[in-house]
Each structure stands twice: as structure tokens, then as C-alpha cells.
Amino acid sequence: MNNLKTKKGFTSEYGFMCGYIEQIETKKIKLTMYSEYGIYHVQAYRYDEKSLISRNDCKIWNSYETLTEAKKEYKKLVKIFTK
């Protein structure tokens, strides 16, 4: 039987193929990693204080062919945005 999570608690390749995602969301940030048609997407949004124009201050969207590359980028962004 395939596992949806790795031993370290991260979504496995099988889990991503089943539609599971990795996501961290707070009042200031939203980090998401998911798979679509065999490509892994890593997205990051940092929300600024409300202003006259509602917008995201920072938006990153990178795509990777392998889970290893995507996971590396996702973990890097988690460290940057959750300090």
C-alpha cells in the first residue's frame, strides 16, 4: 500500500498524485505546493497591511519537474517567510 505522507510527515509523490497539497497559511503568508499534470508548483504570497488597493505584496510561483526540486524550494520559502 502506498502512503500519502513520508516518514517525516511531508506529502509523498503518491499523495500529490492523489490531489493532496502542502500548505502553510497565517495572517501574513500563504505557502502552497501541489502537483498538476506531473508538474509540481510552489506558490508563495505575503500579505501586506490593508491599503487603498487590496493586493499581495509578494507573489512567487515556480514550477518543477521533480518532487525533490519542488520540495527544496518549498522548504526554503518556509524558512524565509516564517521567521
C-alpha atoms as a PDB file:
ATOM      1  CA  MET A   1       0.000   0.000   0.000  1.00  0.00           C
ATOM      2  CA  ASN A   2       1.273   3.465  -0.891  1.00  0.00           C
ATOM      3  CA  ASN A   3       1.494   6.086   1.829  1.00  0.00           C
ATOM      4  CA  LEU A   4       0.159   9.600   1.403  1.00  0.00           C
ATOM      5  CA  LYS A   5       2.838  11.014   3.736  1.00  0.00           C
ATOM      6  CA  THR A   6       6.547  10.337   4.142  1.00  0.00           C
ATOM      7  CA  LYS A   7       8.076   9.289   7.472  1.00  0.00           C
ATOM      8  CA  LYS A   8       8.913  12.955   8.098  1.00  0.00           C
ATOM      9  CA  GLY A   9       5.267  13.973   7.583  1.00  0.00           C
ATOM     10  CA  PHE A  10       5.647  15.574   4.150  1.00  0.00           C
ATOM     11  CA  THR A  11       3.167  14.687   1.381  1.00  0.00           C
ATOM     12  CA  SER A  12       4.578  11.837  -0.726  1.00  0.00           C
ATOM     13  CA  GLU A  13       4.704  11.692  -4.509  1.00  0.00           C
ATOM     14  CA  TYR A  14       1.727   9.335  -4.374  1.00  0.00           C
ATOM     15  CA  GLY A  15      -0.109  11.803  -2.133  1.00  0.00           C
ATOM     16  CA  PHE A  16       0.432  14.631  -4.606  1.00  0.00           C
ATOM     17  CA  MET A  17      -0.820  12.439  -7.460  1.00  0.00           C
ATOM     18  CA  CYS A  18      -3.956  11.791  -5.378  1.00  0.00           C
ATOM     19  CA  GLY A  19      -4.570  15.552  -5.104  1.00  0.00           C
ATOM     20  CA  TYR A  20      -3.088  16.282  -1.677  1.00  0.00           C
ATOM     21  CA  ILE A  21      -1.223  19.567  -1.122  1.00  0.00           C
ATOM     22  CA  GLU A  22       1.277  21.059   1.312  1.00  0.00           C
ATOM     23  CA  GLN A  23       0.151  24.413   2.683  1.00  0.00           C
ATOM     24  CA  ILE A  24       1.020  26.862   5.434  1.00  0.00           C
ATOM     25  CA  GLU A  25      -1.203  29.886   5.948  1.00  0.00           C
ATOM     26  CA  THR A  26      -1.131  32.673   8.505  1.00  0.00           C
ATOM     27  CA  LYS A  27      -2.453  36.229   8.535  1.00  0.00           C
ATOM     28  CA  LYS A  28       0.692  37.378   6.708  1.00  0.00           C
ATOM     29  CA  ILE A  29       1.686  34.491   4.413  1.00  0.00           C
ATOM     30  CA  LYS A  30       0.352  31.630   2.341  1.00  0.00           C
ATOM     31  CA  LEU A  31       2.722  28.946   1.021  1.00  0.00           C
ATOM     32  CA  THR A  32       1.353  26.181  -1.183  1.00  0.00           C
ATOM     33  CA  MET A  33       2.837  23.220  -3.025  1.00  0.00           C
ATOM     34  CA  TYR A  34       0.787  20.969  -5.290  1.00  0.00           C
ATOM     35  CA  SER A  35       1.049  18.782  -8.367  1.00  0.00           C
ATOM     36  CA  GLU A  36      -0.808  19.231 -11.631  1.00  0.00           C
ATOM     37  CA  TYR A  37      -0.259  17.007 -14.686  1.00  0.00           C
ATOM     38  CA  GLY A  38       3.052  15.740 -13.290  1.00  0.00           C
ATOM     39  CA  ILE A  39       4.464  19.224 -12.642  1.00  0.00           C
ATOM     40  CA  TYR A  40       4.989  20.471  -9.092  1.00  0.00           C
ATOM     41  CA  HIS A  41       4.003  24.061  -8.336  1.00  0.00           C
ATOM     42  CA  VAL A  42       5.291  26.123  -5.400  1.00  0.00           C
ATOM     43  CA  GLN A  43       3.438  29.346  -4.645  1.00  0.00           C
ATOM     44  CA  ALA A  44       4.129  31.993  -2.013  1.00  0.00           C
ATOM     45  CA  TYR A  45       2.080  35.054  -1.105  1.00  0.00           C
ATOM     46  CA  ARG A  46       2.952  37.623   1.540  1.00  0.00           C
ATOM     47  CA  TYR A  47       0.094  39.895   2.510  1.00  0.00           C
ATOM     48  CA  ASP A  48       0.830  43.487   3.484  1.00  0.00           C
ATOM     49  CA  GLU A  49      -1.290  45.630   5.713  1.00  0.00           C
ATOM     50  CA  LYS A  50      -4.560  46.650   4.096  1.00  0.00           C
ATOM     51  CA  SER A  51      -4.179  49.658   1.859  1.00  0.00           C
ATOM     52  CA  LEU A  52      -6.395  51.512  -0.565  1.00  0.00           C
ATOM     53  CA  ILE A  53      -5.612  48.897  -3.171  1.00  0.00           C
ATOM     54  CA  SER A  54      -6.050  45.336  -1.951  1.00  0.00           C
ATOM     55  CA  ARG A  55      -3.123  43.334  -3.312  1.00  0.00           C
ATOM     56  CA  ASN A  56      -0.489  40.774  -2.472  1.00  0.00           C
ATOM     57  CA  ASP A  57       2.848  42.374  -1.710  1.00  0.00           C
ATOM     58  CA  CYS A  58       4.871  39.373  -2.827  1.00  0.00           C
ATOM     59  CA  LYS A  59       3.863  36.613  -5.198  1.00  0.00           C
ATOM     60  CA  ILE A  60       6.086  33.721  -6.212  1.00  0.00           C
ATOM     61  CA  TRP A  61       5.012  30.890  -8.473  1.00  0.00           C
ATOM     62  CA  ASN A  62       7.654  28.400  -9.575  1.00  0.00           C
ATOM     63  CA  SER A  63       7.152  25.065 -11.330  1.00  0.00           C
ATOM     64  CA  TYR A  64       9.387  21.989 -11.168  1.00  0.00           C
ATOM     65  CA  GLU A  65       9.557  18.653 -12.953  1.00  0.00           C
ATOM     66  CA  THR A  66      10.654  16.701  -9.880  1.00  0.00           C
ATOM     67  CA  LEU A  67       9.342  16.495  -6.345  1.00  0.00           C
ATOM     68  CA  THR A  68      12.883  16.827  -4.978  1.00  0.00           C
ATOM     69  CA  GLU A  69      13.393  20.236  -6.622  1.00  0.00           C
ATOM     70  CA  ALA A  70       9.961  21.486  -5.592  1.00  0.00           C
ATOM     71  CA  LYS A  71      10.349  20.286  -2.008  1.00  0.00           C
ATOM     72  CA  LYS A  72      13.733  22.031  -1.729  1.00  0.00           C
ATOM     73  CA  GLU A  73      12.207  25.347  -2.889  1.00  0.00           C
ATOM     74  CA  TYR A  74       9.142  24.940  -0.647  1.00  0.00           C
ATOM     75  CA  LYS A  75      11.264  24.284   2.447  1.00  0.00           C
ATOM     76  CA  LYS A  76      13.485  27.275   1.594  1.00  0.00           C
ATOM     77  CA  LEU A  77      10.439  29.554   1.358  1.00  0.00           C
ATOM     78  CA  VAL A  78       9.043  28.193   4.632  1.00  0.00           C
ATOM     79  CA  LYS A  79      12.288  29.196   6.361  1.00  0.00           C
ATOM     80  CA  ILE A  80      12.262  32.664   4.758  1.00  0.00           C
ATOM     81  CA  PHE A  81       8.614  33.540   5.360  1.00  0.00           C
ATOM     82  CA  THR A  82       8.090  32.006   8.806  1.00  0.00           C
ATOM     83  CA  LYS A  83      10.984  33.717  10.612  1.00  0.00           C
END
